[in-house]
Amino acid sequence: MKTFNKIIFIFILELLTIFFIWQAAGRFVWADVYYKHLIIAKIKKDWPSMLSDYQKIFFYDPNEFFYQTRYAKDLIWAVDLYHDKKGKIV
């Protein structure tokens, strides 16, 4: 019975370790992955896809200053992009 308790304890310890690693590093990795998707969408000038990627980035890493400043710059870029389009809704 002692070995069974050790196995359960080790299993729970491994789950906690995985959870803490995810909280510490995994979320930042996924935010970077979605930022790379965002760069591709920006090259294609696909504004709805960019907004979707920013939403995912802010879900995974909401307090990162770099993403917030890039979002502000891209909002200004989008205003200029849609300002030049014909047939805009005023």
PDB file of N, CA and C in Angstrom:
ATOM      1  N   MET A   1       0.817  -1.195   0.000  1.00  0.00           N
ATOM      2  CA  MET A   1       0.000   0.000   0.000  1.00  0.00           C
ATOM      3  C   MET A   1       0.860   1.257   0.000  1.00  0.00           C
ATOM      4  N   LYS A   2       2.079   1.159   0.542  1.00  0.00           N
ATOM      5  CA  LYS A   2       2.944   2.329   0.565  1.00  0.00           C
ATOM      6  C   LYS A   2       3.357   2.739  -0.841  1.00  0.00           C
ATOM      7  N   THR A   3       3.623   1.772  -1.691  1.00  0.00           N
ATOM      8  CA  THR A   3       4.034   2.114  -3.053  1.00  0.00           C
ATOM      9  C   THR A   3       2.886   2.767  -3.822  1.00  0.00           C
ATOM     10  N   PHE A   4       1.665   2.338  -3.582  1.00  0.00           N
ATOM     11  CA  PHE A   4       0.510   2.954  -4.234  1.00  0.00           C
ATOM     12  C   PHE A   4       0.387   4.416  -3.819  1.00  0.00           C
ATOM     13  N   ASN A   5       0.587   4.700  -2.547  1.00  0.00           N
ATOM     14  CA  ASN A   5       0.527   6.084  -2.067  1.00  0.00           C
ATOM     15  C   ASN A   5       1.647   6.922  -2.682  1.00  0.00           C
ATOM     16  N   LYS A   6       2.817   6.326  -2.829  1.00  0.00           N
ATOM     17  CA  LYS A   6       3.927   7.048  -3.454  1.00  0.00           C
ATOM     18  C   LYS A   6       3.622   7.364  -4.912  1.00  0.00           C
ATOM     19  N   ILE A   7       3.029   6.402  -5.602  1.00  0.00           N
ATOM     20  CA  ILE A   7       2.678   6.616  -7.006  1.00  0.00           C
ATOM     21  C   ILE A   7       1.660   7.745  -7.138  1.00  0.00           C
ATOM     22  N   ILE A   8       0.652   7.742  -6.296  1.00  0.00           N
ATOM     23  CA  ILE A   8      -0.359   8.809  -6.312  1.00  0.00           C
ATOM     24  C   ILE A   8       0.286  10.153  -5.989  1.00  0.00           C
ATOM     25  N   PHE A   9       1.157  10.179  -5.006  1.00  0.00           N
ATOM     26  CA  PHE A   9       1.831  11.419  -4.619  1.00  0.00           C
ATOM     27  C   PHE A   9       2.698  11.951  -5.760  1.00  0.00           C
ATOM     28  N   ILE A  10       3.442  11.073  -6.410  1.00  0.00           N
ATOM     29  CA  ILE A  10       4.297  11.486  -7.525  1.00  0.00           C
ATOM     30  C   ILE A  10       3.449  11.980  -8.695  1.00  0.00           C
ATOM     31  N   PHE A  11       2.345  11.318  -8.955  1.00  0.00           N
ATOM     32  CA  PHE A  11       1.450  11.735 -10.033  1.00  0.00           C
ATOM     33  C   PHE A  11       0.892  13.134  -9.769  1.00  0.00           C
ATOM     34  N   ILE A  12       0.435  13.387  -8.567  1.00  0.00           N
ATOM     35  CA  ILE A  12      -0.089  14.710  -8.208  1.00  0.00           C
ATOM     36  C   ILE A  12       1.015  15.760  -8.277  1.00  0.00           C
ATOM     37  N   LEU A  13       2.191  15.403  -7.836  1.00  0.00           N
ATOM     38  CA  LEU A  13       3.325  16.326  -7.899  1.00  0.00           C
ATOM     39  C   LEU A  13       3.680  16.672  -9.345  1.00  0.00           C
ATOM     40  N   GLU A  14       3.635  15.698 -10.229  1.00  0.00           N
ATOM     41  CA  GLU A  14       3.897  15.955 -11.644  1.00  0.00           C
ATOM     42  C   GLU A  14       2.835  16.859 -12.249  1.00  0.00           C
ATOM     43  N   LEU A  15       1.582  16.634 -11.906  1.00  0.00           N
ATOM     44  CA  LEU A  15       0.512  17.498 -12.409  1.00  0.00           C
ATOM     45  C   LEU A  15       0.683  18.936 -11.940  1.00  0.00           C
ATOM     46  N   LEU A  16       1.044  19.109 -10.688  1.00  0.00           N
ATOM     47  CA  LEU A  16       1.278  20.458 -10.169  1.00  0.00           C
ATOM     48  C   LEU A  16       2.474  21.117 -10.854  1.00  0.00           C
ATOM     49  N   THR A  17       3.505  20.345 -11.112  1.00  0.00           N
ATOM     50  CA  THR A  17       4.680  20.882 -11.803  1.00  0.00           C
ATOM     51  C   THR A  17       4.324  21.337 -13.213  1.00  0.00           C
ATOM     52  N   ILE A  18       3.570  20.529 -13.919  1.00  0.00           N
ATOM     53  CA  ILE A  18       3.135  20.902 -15.270  1.00  0.00           C
ATOM     54  C   ILE A  18       2.281  22.161 -15.227  1.00  0.00           C
ATOM     55  N   PHE A  19       1.390  22.248 -14.264  1.00  0.00           N
ATOM     56  CA  PHE A  19       0.538  23.433 -14.129  1.00  0.00           C
ATOM     57  C   PHE A  19       1.368  24.683 -13.876  1.00  0.00           C
ATOM     58  N   PHE A  20       2.346  24.613 -12.998  1.00  0.00           N
ATOM     59  CA  PHE A  20       3.165  25.782 -12.687  1.00  0.00           C
ATOM     60  C   PHE A  20       4.064  26.174 -13.860  1.00  0.00           C
ATOM     61  N   ILE A  21       4.563  25.194 -14.592  1.00  0.00           N
ATOM     62  CA  ILE A  21       5.359  25.514 -15.782  1.00  0.00           C
ATOM     63  C   ILE A  21       4.485  26.209 -16.816  1.00  0.00           C
ATOM     64  N   TRP A  22       3.257  25.724 -16.995  1.00  0.00           N
ATOM     65  CA  TRP A  22       2.334  26.357 -17.939  1.00  0.00           C
ATOM     66  C   TRP A  22       2.042  27.796 -17.527  1.00  0.00           C
ATOM     67  N   GLN A  23       1.808  28.015 -16.253  1.00  0.00           N
ATOM     68  CA  GLN A  23       1.513  29.365 -15.782  1.00  0.00           C
ATOM     69  C   GLN A  23       2.727  30.278 -15.903  1.00  0.00           C
ATOM     70  N   ALA A  24       3.908  29.731 -15.761  1.00  0.00           N
ATOM     71  CA  ALA A  24       5.116  30.551 -15.790  1.00  0.00           C
ATOM     72  C   ALA A  24       5.602  30.819 -17.213  1.00  0.00           C
ATOM     73  N   ALA A  25       5.573  29.825 -18.083  1.00  0.00           N
ATOM     74  CA  ALA A  25       6.191  29.995 -19.395  1.00  0.00           C
ATOM     75  C   ALA A  25       5.265  29.693 -20.568  1.00  0.00           C
ATOM     76  N   GLY A  26       4.362  28.782 -20.414  1.00  0.00           N
ATOM     77  CA  GLY A  26       3.532  28.346 -21.533  1.00  0.00           C
ATOM     78  C   GLY A  26       2.678  29.441 -22.123  1.00  0.00           C
ATOM     79  N   ARG A  27       2.137  30.282 -21.278  1.00  0.00           N
ATOM     80  CA  ARG A  27       1.279  31.358 -21.760  1.00  0.00           C
ATOM     81  C   ARG A  27       2.073  32.358 -22.602  1.00  0.00           C
ATOM     82  N   PHE A  28       3.319  32.617 -22.232  1.00  0.00           N
ATOM     83  CA  PHE A  28       4.143  33.551 -22.997  1.00  0.00           C
ATOM     84  C   PHE A  28       4.499  32.970 -24.360  1.00  0.00           C
ATOM     85  N   VAL A  29       4.722  31.668 -24.400  1.00  0.00           N
ATOM     86  CA  VAL A  29       5.054  31.016 -25.665  1.00  0.00           C
ATOM     87  C   VAL A  29       3.882  31.115 -26.628  1.00  0.00           C
ATOM     88  N   TRP A  30       2.668  30.844 -26.146  1.00  0.00           N
ATOM     89  CA  TRP A  30       1.493  30.935 -27.012  1.00  0.00           C
ATOM     90  C   TRP A  30       1.237  32.363 -27.465  1.00  0.00           C
ATOM     91  N   ALA A  31       1.502  33.332 -26.603  1.00  0.00           N
ATOM     92  CA  ALA A  31       1.355  34.734 -27.006  1.00  0.00           C
ATOM     93  C   ALA A  31       2.326  35.057 -28.138  1.00  0.00           C
ATOM     94  N   ASP A  32       3.546  34.554 -28.065  1.00  0.00           N
ATOM     95  CA  ASP A  32       4.521  34.780 -29.136  1.00  0.00           C
ATOM     96  C   ASP A  32       4.109  34.085 -30.433  1.00  0.00           C
ATOM     97  N   VAL A  33       3.537  32.901 -30.320  1.00  0.00           N
ATOM     98  CA  VAL A  33       3.064  32.192 -31.513  1.00  0.00           C
ATOM     99  C   VAL A  33       1.981  33.009 -32.209  1.00  0.00           C
ATOM    100  N   TYR A  34       1.031  33.525 -31.442  1.00  0.00           N
ATOM    101  CA  TYR A  34      -0.032  34.327 -32.047  1.00  0.00           C
ATOM    102  C   TYR A  34       0.492  35.661 -32.556  1.00  0.00           C
ATOM    103  N   TYR A  35       1.560  36.187 -31.976  1.00  0.00           N
ATOM    104  CA  TYR A  35       2.151  37.414 -32.503  1.00  0.00           C
ATOM    105  C   TYR A  35       2.776  37.160 -33.875  1.00  0.00           C
ATOM    106  N   LYS A  36       3.352  35.993 -34.068  1.00  0.00           N
ATOM    107  CA  LYS A  36       3.894  35.655 -35.386  1.00  0.00           C
ATOM    108  C   LYS A  36       2.769  35.524 -36.412  1.00  0.00           C
ATOM    109  N   HIS A  37       1.630  34.974 -36.014  1.00  0.00           N
ATOM    110  CA  HIS A  37       0.462  34.920 -36.897  1.00  0.00           C
ATOM    111  C   HIS A  37      -0.002  36.337 -37.225  1.00  0.00           C
ATOM    112  N   LEU A  38       0.085  37.210 -36.243  1.00  0.00           N
ATOM    113  CA  LEU A  38      -0.335  38.589 -36.420  1.00  0.00           C
ATOM    114  C   LEU A  38       0.547  39.304 -37.440  1.00  0.00           C
ATOM    115  N   ILE A  39       1.836  39.042 -37.421  1.00  0.00           N
ATOM    116  CA  ILE A  39       2.744  39.668 -38.384  1.00  0.00           C
ATOM    117  C   ILE A  39       2.379  39.246 -39.808  1.00  0.00           C
ATOM    118  N   ILE A  40       2.041  37.987 -39.985  1.00  0.00           N
ATOM    119  CA  ILE A  40       1.623  37.507 -41.306  1.00  0.00           C
ATOM    120  C   ILE A  40       0.333  38.196 -41.736  1.00  0.00           C
ATOM    121  N   ALA A  41      -0.611  38.336 -40.816  1.00  0.00           N
ATOM    122  CA  ALA A  41      -1.869  39.013 -41.140  1.00  0.00           C
ATOM    123  C   ALA A  41      -1.631  40.484 -41.458  1.00  0.00           C
ATOM    124  N   LYS A  42      -0.671  41.098 -40.799  1.00  0.00           N
ATOM    125  CA  LYS A  42      -0.368  42.509 -41.072  1.00  0.00           C
ATOM    126  C   LYS A  42       0.238  42.670 -42.457  1.00  0.00           C
ATOM    127  N   ILE A  43       1.082  41.742 -42.866  1.00  0.00           N
ATOM    128  CA  ILE A  43       1.652  41.798 -44.213  1.00  0.00           C
ATOM    129  C   ILE A  43       0.544  41.685 -45.257  1.00  0.00           C
ATOM    130  N   LYS A  44      -0.440  40.839 -44.993  1.00  0.00           N
ATOM    131  CA  LYS A  44      -1.569  40.665 -45.912  1.00  0.00           C
ATOM    132  C   LYS A  44      -2.604  41.780 -45.784  1.00  0.00           C
ATOM    133  N   LYS A  45      -2.436  42.650 -44.800  1.00  0.00           N
ATOM    134  CA  LYS A  45      -3.381  43.736 -44.496  1.00  0.00           C
ATOM    135  C   LYS A  45      -4.774  43.186 -44.207  1.00  0.00           C
ATOM    136  N   ASP A  46      -4.802  42.123 -43.441  1.00  0.00           N
ATOM    137  CA  ASP A  46      -6.050  41.470 -43.050  1.00  0.00           C
ATOM    138  C   ASP A  46      -6.413  41.935 -41.642  1.00  0.00           C
ATOM    139  N   TRP A  47      -7.127  43.036 -41.554  1.00  0.00           N
ATOM    140  CA  TRP A  47      -7.419  43.666 -40.268  1.00  0.00           C
ATOM    141  C   TRP A  47      -8.272  42.787 -39.349  1.00  0.00           C
ATOM    142  N   PRO A  48      -9.335  42.117 -39.825  1.00  0.00           N
ATOM    143  CA  PRO A  48     -10.109  41.258 -38.907  1.00  0.00           C
ATOM    144  C   PRO A  48      -9.276  40.124 -38.300  1.00  0.00           C
ATOM    145  N   SER A  49      -8.386  39.559 -39.093  1.00  0.00           N
ATOM    146  CA  SER A  49      -7.516  38.507 -38.563  1.00  0.00           C
ATOM    147  C   SER A  49      -6.541  39.070 -37.533  1.00  0.00           C
ATOM    148  N   MET A  50      -6.079  40.290 -37.760  1.00  0.00           N
ATOM    149  CA  MET A  50      -5.184  40.928 -36.792  1.00  0.00           C
ATOM    150  C   MET A  50      -5.890  41.135 -35.457  1.00  0.00           C
ATOM    151  N   LEU A  51      -7.133  41.584 -35.513  1.00  0.00           N
ATOM    152  CA  LEU A  51      -7.883  41.784 -34.269  1.00  0.00           C
ATOM    153  C   LEU A  51      -8.090  40.471 -33.527  1.00  0.00           C
ATOM    154  N   SER A  52      -8.360  39.425 -34.278  1.00  0.00           N
ATOM    155  CA  SER A  52      -8.526  38.109 -33.659  1.00  0.00           C
ATOM    156  C   SER A  52      -7.231  37.650 -32.990  1.00  0.00           C
ATOM    157  N   ASP A  53      -6.112  37.870 -33.658  1.00  0.00           N
ATOM    158  CA  ASP A  53      -4.822  37.482 -33.074  1.00  0.00           C
ATOM    159  C   ASP A  53      -4.497  38.314 -31.843  1.00  0.00           C
ATOM    160  N   TYR A  54      -4.794  39.607 -31.893  1.00  0.00           N
ATOM    161  CA  TYR A  54      -4.556  40.441 -30.709  1.00  0.00           C
ATOM    162  C   TYR A  54      -5.420  39.989 -29.533  1.00  0.00           C
ATOM    163  N   GLN A  55      -6.642  39.576 -29.819  1.00  0.00           N
ATOM    164  CA  GLN A  55      -7.509  39.085 -28.748  1.00  0.00           C
ATOM    165  C   GLN A  55      -6.893  37.848 -28.092  1.00  0.00           C
ATOM    166  N   LYS A  56      -6.349  36.959 -28.887  1.00  0.00           N
ATOM    167  CA  LYS A  56      -5.704  35.758 -28.342  1.00  0.00           C
ATOM    168  C   LYS A  56      -4.428  36.107 -27.583  1.00  0.00           C
ATOM    169  N   ILE A  57      -3.669  37.070 -28.108  1.00  0.00           N
ATOM    170  CA  ILE A  57      -2.439  37.492 -27.429  1.00  0.00           C
ATOM    171  C   ILE A  57      -2.762  38.061 -26.060  1.00  0.00           C
ATOM    172  N   PHE A  58      -3.766  38.932 -25.998  1.00  0.00           N
ATOM    173  CA  PHE A  58      -4.111  39.548 -24.721  1.00  0.00           C
ATOM    174  C   PHE A  58      -4.756  38.558 -23.756  1.00  0.00           C
ATOM    175  N   PHE A  59      -5.318  37.475 -24.286  1.00  0.00           N
ATOM    176  CA  PHE A  59      -5.825  36.428 -23.402  1.00  0.00           C
ATOM    177  C   PHE A  59      -4.668  35.719 -22.702  1.00  0.00           C
ATOM    178  N   TYR A  60      -3.612  35.428 -23.456  1.00  0.00           N
ATOM    179  CA  TYR A  60      -2.490  34.688 -22.885  1.00  0.00           C
ATOM    180  C   TYR A  60      -1.521  35.565 -22.106  1.00  0.00           C
ATOM    181  N   ASP A  61      -1.328  36.806 -22.543  1.00  0.00           N
ATOM    182  CA  ASP A  61      -0.345  37.671 -21.879  1.00  0.00           C
ATOM    183  C   ASP A  61      -0.868  39.110 -21.841  1.00  0.00           C
ATOM    184  N   PRO A  62      -1.831  39.392 -20.965  1.00  0.00           N
ATOM    185  CA  PRO A  62      -2.491  40.707 -20.986  1.00  0.00           C
ATOM    186  C   PRO A  62      -1.633  41.854 -20.478  1.00  0.00           C
ATOM    187  N   ASN A  63      -0.606  41.600 -19.721  1.00  0.00           N
ATOM    188  CA  ASN A  63       0.158  42.682 -19.100  1.00  0.00           C
ATOM    189  C   ASN A  63       1.462  43.016 -19.815  1.00  0.00           C
ATOM    190  N   GLU A  64       1.721  42.409 -20.946  1.00  0.00           N
ATOM    191  CA  GLU A  64       2.974  42.664 -21.653  1.00  0.00           C
ATOM    192  C   GLU A  64       2.911  44.018 -22.360  1.00  0.00           C
ATOM    193  N   PHE A  65       3.821  44.894 -22.001  1.00  0.00           N
ATOM    194  CA  PHE A  65       3.839  46.259 -22.523  1.00  0.00           C
ATOM    195  C   PHE A  65       4.112  46.284 -24.027  1.00  0.00           C
ATOM    196  N   PHE A  66       4.962  45.376 -24.514  1.00  0.00           N
ATOM    197  CA  PHE A  66       5.299  45.334 -25.937  1.00  0.00           C
ATOM    198  C   PHE A  66       4.056  45.125 -26.787  1.00  0.00           C
ATOM    199  N   TYR A  67       3.208  44.163 -26.412  1.00  0.00           N
ATOM    200  CA  TYR A  67       2.006  43.885 -27.190  1.00  0.00           C
ATOM    201  C   TYR A  67       1.028  45.052 -27.130  1.00  0.00           C
ATOM    202  N   GLN A  68       0.948  45.715 -26.002  1.00  0.00           N
ATOM    203  CA  GLN A  68       0.042  46.856 -25.875  1.00  0.00           C
ATOM    204  C   GLN A  68       0.477  48.012 -26.769  1.00  0.00           C
ATOM    205  N   THR A  69       1.777  48.282 -26.825  1.00  0.00           N
ATOM    206  CA  THR A  69       2.249  49.374 -27.683  1.00  0.00           C
ATOM    207  C   THR A  69       2.098  49.020 -29.159  1.00  0.00           C
ATOM    208  N   ARG A  70       2.344  47.773 -29.518  1.00  0.00           N
ATOM    209  CA  ARG A  70       2.152  47.363 -30.911  1.00  0.00           C
ATOM    210  C   ARG A  70       0.679  47.449 -31.302  1.00  0.00           C
ATOM    211  N   TYR A  71      -0.206  47.115 -30.375  1.00  0.00           N
ATOM    212  CA  TYR A  71      -1.640  47.206 -30.644  1.00  0.00           C
ATOM    213  C   TYR A  71      -2.041  48.656 -30.888  1.00  0.00           C
ATOM    214  N   ALA A  72      -1.516  49.574 -30.088  1.00  0.00           N
ATOM    215  CA  ALA A  72      -1.822  50.993 -30.277  1.00  0.00           C
ATOM    216  C   ALA A  72      -1.315  51.476 -31.636  1.00  0.00           C
ATOM    217  N   LYS A  73      -0.114  51.073 -32.023  1.00  0.00           N
ATOM    218  CA  LYS A  73       0.426  51.470 -33.328  1.00  0.00           C
ATOM    219  C   LYS A  73      -0.394  50.872 -34.466  1.00  0.00           C
ATOM    220  N   ASP A  74      -0.835  49.631 -34.304  1.00  0.00           N
ATOM    221  CA  ASP A  74      -1.638  49.004 -35.350  1.00  0.00           C
ATOM    222  C   ASP A  74      -3.025  49.622 -35.440  1.00  0.00           C
ATOM    223  N   LEU A  75      -3.568  50.099 -34.344  1.00  0.00           N
ATOM    224  CA  LEU A  75      -4.848  50.802 -34.412  1.00  0.00           C
ATOM    225  C   LEU A  75      -4.709  52.088 -35.217  1.00  0.00           C
ATOM    226  N   ILE A  76      -3.628  52.809 -35.007  1.00  0.00           N
ATOM    227  CA  ILE A  76      -3.380  54.026 -35.789  1.00  0.00           C
ATOM    228  C   ILE A  76      -3.181  53.672 -37.257  1.00  0.00           C
ATOM    229  N   TRP A  77      -2.459  52.580 -37.515  1.00  0.00           N
ATOM    230  CA  TRP A  77      -2.247  52.117 -38.882  1.00  0.00           C
ATOM    231  C   TRP A  77      -3.580  51.767 -39.545  1.00  0.00           C
ATOM    232  N   ALA A  78      -4.485  51.131 -38.816  1.00  0.00           N
ATOM    233  CA  ALA A  78      -5.774  50.731 -39.376  1.00  0.00           C
ATOM    234  C   ALA A  78      -6.630  51.947 -39.697  1.00  0.00           C
ATOM    235  N   VAL A  79      -6.556  52.979 -38.871  1.00  0.00           N
ATOM    236  CA  VAL A  79      -7.308  54.201 -39.157  1.00  0.00           C
ATOM    237  C   VAL A  79      -6.814  54.806 -40.465  1.00  0.00           C
ATOM    238  N   ASP A  80      -5.504  54.832 -40.653  1.00  0.00           N
ATOM    239  CA  ASP A  80      -4.949  55.349 -41.907  1.00  0.00           C
ATOM    240  C   ASP A  80      -5.297  54.444 -43.084  1.00  0.00           C
ATOM    241  N   LEU A  81      -5.316  53.149 -42.866  1.00  0.00           N
ATOM    242  CA  LEU A  81      -5.637  52.205 -43.929  1.00  0.00           C
ATOM    243  C   LEU A  81      -7.066  52.400 -44.406  1.00  0.00           C
ATOM    244  N   TYR A  82      -8.011  52.502 -43.488  1.00  0.00           N
ATOM    245  CA  TYR A  82      -9.410  52.646 -43.866  1.00  0.00           C
ATOM    246  C   TYR A  82      -9.763  54.078 -44.228  1.00  0.00           C
ATOM    247  N   HIS A  83      -8.932  55.031 -43.869  1.00  0.00           N
ATOM    248  CA  HIS A  83      -9.181  56.421 -44.225  1.00  0.00           C
ATOM    249  C   HIS A  83      -9.024  56.628 -45.729  1.00  0.00           C
ATOM    250  N   ASP A  84      -8.131  55.873 -46.346  1.00  0.00           N
ATOM    251  CA  ASP A  84      -7.864  56.024 -47.770  1.00  0.00           C
ATOM    252  C   ASP A  84      -8.837  55.239 -48.649  1.00  0.00           C
ATOM    253  N   LYS A  85      -9.624  54.367 -48.080  1.00  0.00           N
ATOM    254  CA  LYS A  85     -10.512  53.527 -48.882  1.00  0.00           C
ATOM    255  C   LYS A  85     -11.709  54.325 -49.380  1.00  0.00           C
ATOM    256  N   LYS A  86     -12.126  54.020 -50.613  1.00  0.00           N
ATOM    257  CA  LYS A  86     -13.321  54.650 -51.166  1.00  0.00           C
ATOM    258  C   LYS A  86     -14.549  53.917 -50.642  1.00  0.00           C
ATOM    259  N   GLY A  87     -15.628  54.610 -50.542  1.00  0.00           N
ATOM    260  CA  GLY A  87     -16.878  53.997 -50.118  1.00  0.00           C
ATOM    261  C   GLY A  87     -16.935  53.694 -48.644  1.00  0.00           C
ATOM    262  N   LYS A  88     -16.174  54.423 -47.877  1.00  0.00           N
ATOM    263  CA  LYS A  88     -16.215  54.184 -46.433  1.00  0.00           C
ATOM    264  C   LYS A  88     -17.514  54.735 -45.858  1.00  0.00           C
ATOM    265  N   ILE A  89     -17.923  54.198 -44.773  1.00  0.00           N
ATOM    266  CA  ILE A  89     -19.134  54.658 -44.096  1.00  0.00           C
ATOM    267  C   ILE A  89     -18.745  55.784 -43.165  1.00  0.00           C
ATOM    268  N   VAL A  90     -19.409  56.916 -43.317  1.00  0.00           N
ATOM    269  CA  VAL A  90     -19.083  58.081 -42.488  1.00  0.00           C
ATOM    270  C   VAL A  90     -20.160  58.282 -41.457  1.00  0.00           C
TER     271      VAL A  90
END
